[in-house]
Each structure stands twice: as structure tokens, then as C-alpha cells.
Amino acid sequence: MSRVAKNPISVSDKVNINITNDLVMVKGPNGELSVPLHKEVTVKFADNVLSVSYEDGAKAKALGGTTRALLANAVLGVTEGFDIRLQLVGVGYRASLQGRNLNLTLGLSHPVVYEPPEGVTIEVPNQTEILIKSASKEQVGQAAADIRAYRPPEPYKGKGIRYLGEVLIMKEAKKQ
């Protein structure tokens, strides 16, 4: 059995789980998420514990581990939620909120406006920090990657948008 898939997922009393043939609905205080199921994977819910089992075969083993990880992320997301912090590094690089949209000044000829997807909330604690929150780990990561793609950190001065705590390996400047 897959090492990941054999670990059971403990579920709190606040979380409601509904299992159908091809979908697991996880509902909690932070929202509602759905995890699709492959036909080779089965999920059982009893005594506040989710368990994943699968048929024989390498593909089914991989699908079992992936399904278990997705379910664990969904349960954690609807109870606690996920967040990612981004940091703007560079002279004149600023972030601000205009309603729900994120307005970025990144040294381009125009301001960049990012409209977050449904279910994702963005906060700006100060001008050089962005906090992205959601119940879905996938949506948080994708939103952070989309924002970071507007101005990824460059390797000579380190200017750009980076994840908080990201370590950049700087290159040496050209020598004459």
C-alpha cells in the first residue's frame, strides 16, 4: 500500500463530508471544497476518520496517494485555510487594493491590476507586502504564482516580487 494513502485523515466535528461515486464534498467553517475521485480509488468515512483504499497496480497506488493528499488539504483548508505572503522588493514597487482587485506599481509604463479568482481574498498589510488567503491550497498557490509572474525576481539586484522567506542566489555583475 502507498505510504501516503495508508495514513488516515482525522476530521474535526466542524467538518461535514459527503461521498458520492466520483466526488467527495468537504464542507466546513471556511467554505466548501470538492475532490474528484478516480474509479480505482475508494474513500470511506467512519468515526471522524477518512481512509483511502485503491485497487492493485502502480497507477492506482499513485492515485491513492494523490487522492489522500488532496483530501487532507481540503479538510485543512475548510477548517484553517491557507495563506501565502508575497514581498515586493525594488524602488517604487507598491501594492494597494481597489475594492477586491490588487493594484500593482512595478516600474512598468502602466499599473498592473490583478483580479483574484472567486474564493481568494487578498490583503495588503503595507505597501510592500501582499497576503493571499483561501480555503483551497491550489487557488492560493496559483494566485501567488500569477502575481509573481508580473515581475519575478531578477538575479543581479534581486528586484521583483518574491515569496516571503524565498532565498535568491544572486549573480555577480560583469567585470571589465
C-alpha atoms as a PDB file:
ATOM      1  CA  MET A   1       0.000   0.000   0.000  1.00  0.00           C
ATOM      2  CA  SER A   2       1.124   3.541  -0.659  1.00  0.00           C
ATOM      3  CA  ARG A   3       2.849   5.098   2.337  1.00  0.00           C
ATOM      4  CA  VAL A   4       0.852   8.284   1.893  1.00  0.00           C
ATOM      5  CA  ALA A   5      -2.503   6.618   1.213  1.00  0.00           C
ATOM      6  CA  LYS A   6      -2.365   4.327   4.261  1.00  0.00           C
ATOM      7  CA  ASN A   7      -2.325   7.279   6.696  1.00  0.00           C
ATOM      8  CA  PRO A   8      -5.866   8.063   7.863  1.00  0.00           C
ATOM      9  CA  ILE A   9      -7.140  11.653   7.910  1.00  0.00           C
ATOM     10  CA  SER A  10      -8.717  12.754  11.174  1.00  0.00           C
ATOM     11  CA  VAL A  11     -11.657  15.102  10.673  1.00  0.00           C
ATOM     12  CA  SER A  12     -12.985  17.543  13.270  1.00  0.00           C
ATOM     13  CA  ASP A  13     -16.660  17.754  14.228  1.00  0.00           C
ATOM     14  CA  LYS A  14     -16.988  21.117  12.413  1.00  0.00           C
ATOM     15  CA  VAL A  15     -16.391  19.439   9.034  1.00  0.00           C
ATOM     16  CA  ASN A  16     -19.179  17.737   7.079  1.00  0.00           C
ATOM     17  CA  ILE A  17     -18.179  15.125   4.461  1.00  0.00           C
ATOM     18  CA  ASN A  18     -20.413  13.829   1.664  1.00  0.00           C
ATOM     19  CA  ILE A  19     -19.076  10.977  -0.519  1.00  0.00           C
ATOM     20  CA  THR A  20     -20.598  10.108  -3.899  1.00  0.00           C
ATOM     21  CA  ASN A  21     -19.312   7.766  -6.628  1.00  0.00           C
ATOM     22  CA  ASP A  22     -16.881  10.214  -8.210  1.00  0.00           C
ATOM     23  CA  LEU A  23     -16.738  13.184  -5.806  1.00  0.00           C
ATOM     24  CA  VAL A  24     -16.030  13.971  -2.151  1.00  0.00           C
ATOM     25  CA  MET A  25     -17.597  17.190  -0.850  1.00  0.00           C
ATOM     26  CA  VAL A  26     -15.877  18.709   2.206  1.00  0.00           C
ATOM     27  CA  LYS A  27     -17.789  21.496   3.962  1.00  0.00           C
ATOM     28  CA  GLY A  28     -16.530  23.467   6.944  1.00  0.00           C
ATOM     29  CA  PRO A  29     -16.435  26.911   8.552  1.00  0.00           C
ATOM     30  CA  ASN A  30     -14.168  28.383   5.818  1.00  0.00           C
ATOM     31  CA  GLY A  31     -16.157  27.149   2.835  1.00  0.00           C
ATOM     32  CA  GLU A  32     -16.833  24.131   0.696  1.00  0.00           C
ATOM     33  CA  LEU A  33     -14.384  22.166  -1.480  1.00  0.00           C
ATOM     34  CA  SER A  34     -14.799  19.147  -3.732  1.00  0.00           C
ATOM     35  CA  VAL A  35     -12.218  16.480  -4.541  1.00  0.00           C
ATOM     36  CA  PRO A  36     -12.779  14.284  -7.629  1.00  0.00           C
ATOM     37  CA  LEU A  37     -12.301  10.527  -7.237  1.00  0.00           C
ATOM     38  CA  HIS A  38     -10.826   8.164  -9.791  1.00  0.00           C
ATOM     39  CA  LYS A  39     -12.663   4.879 -10.400  1.00  0.00           C
ATOM     40  CA  GLU A  40      -9.698   2.883  -8.995  1.00  0.00           C
ATOM     41  CA  VAL A  41      -9.784   4.723  -5.643  1.00  0.00           C
ATOM     42  CA  THR A  42     -12.385   4.379  -2.886  1.00  0.00           C
ATOM     43  CA  VAL A  43     -12.838   6.614   0.158  1.00  0.00           C
ATOM     44  CA  LYS A  44     -14.546   5.626   3.412  1.00  0.00           C
ATOM     45  CA  PHE A  45     -15.650   7.943   6.235  1.00  0.00           C
ATOM     46  CA  ALA A  46     -16.364   6.497   9.675  1.00  0.00           C
ATOM     47  CA  ASP A  47     -15.826   7.720  13.269  1.00  0.00           C
ATOM     48  CA  ASN A  48     -14.482  11.106  12.072  1.00  0.00           C
ATOM     49  CA  VAL A  49     -11.697   9.390  10.093  1.00  0.00           C
ATOM     50  CA  LEU A  50     -11.281   9.404   6.304  1.00  0.00           C
ATOM     51  CA  SER A  51      -9.455   6.424   4.815  1.00  0.00           C
ATOM     52  CA  VAL A  52      -8.364   5.854   1.225  1.00  0.00           C
ATOM     53  CA  SER A  53      -8.019   2.461  -0.475  1.00  0.00           C
ATOM     54  CA  TYR A  54      -7.248   1.509  -4.061  1.00  0.00           C
ATOM     55  CA  GLU A  55      -7.011  -1.436  -6.438  1.00  0.00           C
ATOM     56  CA  ASP A  56      -3.769  -3.240  -7.286  1.00  0.00           C
ATOM     57  CA  GLY A  57      -1.343  -1.626  -9.713  1.00  0.00           C
ATOM     58  CA  ALA A  58       1.234   1.132  -9.857  1.00  0.00           C
ATOM     59  CA  LYS A  59      -1.159   3.699 -11.327  1.00  0.00           C
ATOM     60  CA  ALA A  60      -3.780   3.006  -8.661  1.00  0.00           C
ATOM     61  CA  LYS A  61      -1.126   3.269  -5.938  1.00  0.00           C
ATOM     62  CA  ALA A  62      -0.078   6.703  -7.192  1.00  0.00           C
ATOM     63  CA  LEU A  63      -3.705   7.814  -7.490  1.00  0.00           C
ATOM     64  CA  GLY A  64      -4.375   6.638  -3.931  1.00  0.00           C
ATOM     65  CA  GLY A  65      -1.562   8.761  -2.511  1.00  0.00           C
ATOM     66  CA  THR A  66      -2.584  11.787  -4.564  1.00  0.00           C
ATOM     67  CA  THR A  67      -6.234  11.460  -3.532  1.00  0.00           C
ATOM     68  CA  ARG A  68      -5.287  11.185   0.142  1.00  0.00           C
ATOM     69  CA  ALA A  69      -3.122  14.330  -0.102  1.00  0.00           C
ATOM     70  CA  LEU A  70      -5.908  16.266  -1.865  1.00  0.00           C
ATOM     71  CA  LEU A  71      -8.433  15.192   0.786  1.00  0.00           C
ATOM     72  CA  ALA A  72      -6.084  16.179   3.627  1.00  0.00           C
ATOM     73  CA  ASN A  73      -5.582  19.607   2.017  1.00  0.00           C
ATOM     74  CA  ALA A  74      -9.346  20.029   1.585  1.00  0.00           C
ATOM     75  CA  VAL A  75     -10.051  19.161   5.243  1.00  0.00           C
ATOM     76  CA  LEU A  76      -7.291  21.505   6.448  1.00  0.00           C
ATOM     77  CA  GLY A  77      -8.466  24.247   4.071  1.00  0.00           C
ATOM     78  CA  VAL A  78     -12.087  24.291   5.221  1.00  0.00           C
ATOM     79  CA  THR A  79     -11.049  24.341   8.886  1.00  0.00           C
ATOM     80  CA  GLU A  80      -7.980  26.626   8.996  1.00  0.00           C
ATOM     81  CA  GLY A  81      -7.412  27.877   5.437  1.00  0.00           C
ATOM     82  CA  PHE A  82      -4.195  28.544   3.559  1.00  0.00           C
ATOM     83  CA  ASP A  83      -2.232  31.743   3.040  1.00  0.00           C
ATOM     84  CA  ILE A  84       0.877  32.884   1.166  1.00  0.00           C
ATOM     85  CA  ARG A  85       2.780  36.137   1.686  1.00  0.00           C
ATOM     86  CA  LEU A  86       4.485  37.932  -1.179  1.00  0.00           C
ATOM     87  CA  GLN A  87       7.077  40.673  -0.799  1.00  0.00           C
ATOM     88  CA  LEU A  88       7.756  43.486  -3.278  1.00  0.00           C
ATOM     89  CA  VAL A  89      11.445  44.390  -3.484  1.00  0.00           C
ATOM     90  CA  GLY A  90      12.507  47.396  -5.534  1.00  0.00           C
ATOM     91  CA  VAL A  91      12.408  51.168  -5.508  1.00  0.00           C
ATOM     92  CA  GLY A  92       8.864  52.354  -6.255  1.00  0.00           C
ATOM     93  CA  TYR A  93       7.305  48.876  -6.199  1.00  0.00           C
ATOM     94  CA  ARG A  94       3.954  49.185  -4.391  1.00  0.00           C
ATOM     95  CA  ALA A  95       0.737  47.275  -3.911  1.00  0.00           C
ATOM     96  CA  SER A  96      -2.706  48.575  -2.978  1.00  0.00           C
ATOM     97  CA  LEU A  97      -6.282  47.342  -3.040  1.00  0.00           C
ATOM     98  CA  GLN A  98      -9.018  48.868  -5.175  1.00  0.00           C
ATOM     99  CA  GLY A  99     -12.139  47.123  -3.942  1.00  0.00           C
ATOM    100  CA  ARG A 100     -11.392  43.433  -4.436  1.00  0.00           C
ATOM    101  CA  ASN A 101      -8.714  43.977  -7.106  1.00  0.00           C
ATOM    102  CA  LEU A 102      -4.991  44.280  -6.447  1.00  0.00           C
ATOM    103  CA  ASN A 103      -3.292  47.317  -7.985  1.00  0.00           C
ATOM    104  CA  LEU A 104       0.465  46.871  -8.512  1.00  0.00           C
ATOM    105  CA  THR A 105       3.026  49.529  -9.411  1.00  0.00           C
ATOM    106  CA  LEU A 106       6.049  47.593 -10.663  1.00  0.00           C
ATOM    107  CA  GLY A 107       8.129  50.069 -12.614  1.00  0.00           C
ATOM    108  CA  LEU A 108       6.239  49.406 -15.832  1.00  0.00           C
ATOM    109  CA  SER A 109       4.707  52.108 -18.014  1.00  0.00           C
ATOM    110  CA  HIS A 110       1.272  51.219 -16.631  1.00  0.00           C
ATOM    111  CA  PRO A 111      -0.153  49.975 -13.340  1.00  0.00           C
ATOM    112  CA  VAL A 112      -0.991  46.260 -13.244  1.00  0.00           C
ATOM    113  CA  VAL A 113      -4.454  45.301 -11.965  1.00  0.00           C
ATOM    114  CA  TYR A 114      -4.934  41.715 -10.765  1.00  0.00           C
ATOM    115  CA  GLU A 115      -8.465  40.439 -10.270  1.00  0.00           C
ATOM    116  CA  PRO A 116      -8.415  37.476  -7.838  1.00  0.00           C
ATOM    117  CA  PRO A 117     -10.485  34.390  -8.651  1.00  0.00           C
ATOM    118  CA  GLU A 118     -13.642  33.582  -6.696  1.00  0.00           C
ATOM    119  CA  GLY A 119     -12.849  32.235  -3.236  1.00  0.00           C
ATOM    120  CA  VAL A 120      -9.480  34.030  -2.933  1.00  0.00           C
ATOM    121  CA  THR A 121      -9.091  37.099  -0.729  1.00  0.00           C
ATOM    122  CA  ILE A 122      -6.143  39.466  -0.926  1.00  0.00           C
ATOM    123  CA  GLU A 123      -4.944  41.781   1.837  1.00  0.00           C
ATOM    124  CA  VAL A 124      -2.213  44.412   1.727  1.00  0.00           C
ATOM    125  CA  PRO A 125      -0.801  44.941   5.264  1.00  0.00           C
ATOM    126  CA  ASN A 126       1.691  47.511   3.938  1.00  0.00           C
ATOM    127  CA  GLN A 127       2.774  48.770   0.518  1.00  0.00           C
ATOM    128  CA  THR A 128       5.419  46.091   0.004  1.00  0.00           C
ATOM    129  CA  GLU A 129       3.553  43.018   1.289  1.00  0.00           C
ATOM    130  CA  ILE A 130       0.676  41.017  -0.157  1.00  0.00           C
ATOM    131  CA  LEU A 131      -1.263  38.358   1.783  1.00  0.00           C
ATOM    132  CA  ILE A 132      -3.285  35.840  -0.247  1.00  0.00           C
ATOM    133  CA  LYS A 133      -5.865  33.676   1.591  1.00  0.00           C
ATOM    134  CA  SER A 134      -8.259  30.914   0.564  1.00  0.00           C
ATOM    135  CA  ALA A 135      -9.641  27.560   1.649  1.00  0.00           C
ATOM    136  CA  SER A 136      -8.127  25.925  -1.440  1.00  0.00           C
ATOM    137  CA  LYS A 137      -4.369  25.337  -1.406  1.00  0.00           C
ATOM    138  CA  GLU A 138      -4.368  25.119  -5.201  1.00  0.00           C
ATOM    139  CA  GLN A 139      -6.081  28.504  -5.641  1.00  0.00           C
ATOM    140  CA  VAL A 140      -3.727  30.225  -3.176  1.00  0.00           C
ATOM    141  CA  GLY A 141      -0.649  28.857  -4.938  1.00  0.00           C
ATOM    142  CA  GLN A 142      -1.963  29.712  -8.398  1.00  0.00           C
ATOM    143  CA  ALA A 143      -2.903  33.264  -7.414  1.00  0.00           C
ATOM    144  CA  ALA A 144       0.550  33.792  -5.853  1.00  0.00           C
ATOM    145  CA  ALA A 145       2.241  32.414  -8.973  1.00  0.00           C
ATOM    146  CA  ASP A 146       0.125  34.660 -11.232  1.00  0.00           C
ATOM    147  CA  ILE A 147       1.016  37.776  -9.230  1.00  0.00           C
ATOM    148  CA  ARG A 148       4.696  36.804  -9.041  1.00  0.00           C
ATOM    149  CA  ALA A 149       4.794  36.300 -12.833  1.00  0.00           C
ATOM    150  CA  TYR A 150       4.213  40.043 -13.405  1.00  0.00           C
ATOM    151  CA  ARG A 151       7.745  40.776 -12.124  1.00  0.00           C
ATOM    152  CA  PRO A 152       9.759  37.722 -10.978  1.00  0.00           C
ATOM    153  CA  PRO A 153      12.937  38.498  -9.005  1.00  0.00           C
ATOM    154  CA  GLU A 154      15.901  39.213 -11.234  1.00  0.00           C
ATOM    155  CA  PRO A 155      19.247  37.606 -10.323  1.00  0.00           C
ATOM    156  CA  TYR A 156      21.512  40.692 -10.280  1.00  0.00           C
ATOM    157  CA  LYS A 157      19.815  43.148  -7.913  1.00  0.00           C
ATOM    158  CA  GLY A 158      17.013  40.933  -6.564  1.00  0.00           C
ATOM    159  CA  LYS A 159      14.253  43.340  -7.586  1.00  0.00           C
ATOM    160  CA  GLY A 160      10.804  41.888  -8.167  1.00  0.00           C
ATOM    161  CA  ILE A 161       8.016  40.017  -6.413  1.00  0.00           C
ATOM    162  CA  ARG A 162       9.155  37.149  -4.207  1.00  0.00           C
ATOM    163  CA  TYR A 163       7.644  34.766  -1.738  1.00  0.00           C
ATOM    164  CA  LEU A 164       8.269  35.813   1.866  1.00  0.00           C
ATOM    165  CA  GLY A 165      11.399  33.983   3.011  1.00  0.00           C
ATOM    166  CA  GLU A 166      12.462  32.996  -0.530  1.00  0.00           C
ATOM    167  CA  VAL A 167      16.229  32.757  -0.871  1.00  0.00           C
ATOM    168  CA  LEU A 168      17.669  34.133  -4.095  1.00  0.00           C
ATOM    169  CA  ILE A 169      21.087  33.213  -5.366  1.00  0.00           C
ATOM    170  CA  MET A 170      22.491  36.435  -6.729  1.00  0.00           C
ATOM    171  CA  LYS A 171      24.816  36.575  -9.736  1.00  0.00           C
ATOM    172  CA  GLU A 172      27.933  38.655  -9.864  1.00  0.00           C
ATOM    173  CA  ALA A 173      27.898  41.735 -12.067  1.00  0.00           C
ATOM    174  CA  LYS A 174      30.001  41.743 -15.212  1.00  0.00           C
ATOM    175  CA  LYS A 175      33.652  42.601 -14.670  1.00  0.00           C
ATOM    176  CA  GLN A 176      35.703  44.632 -17.070  1.00  0.00           C
END
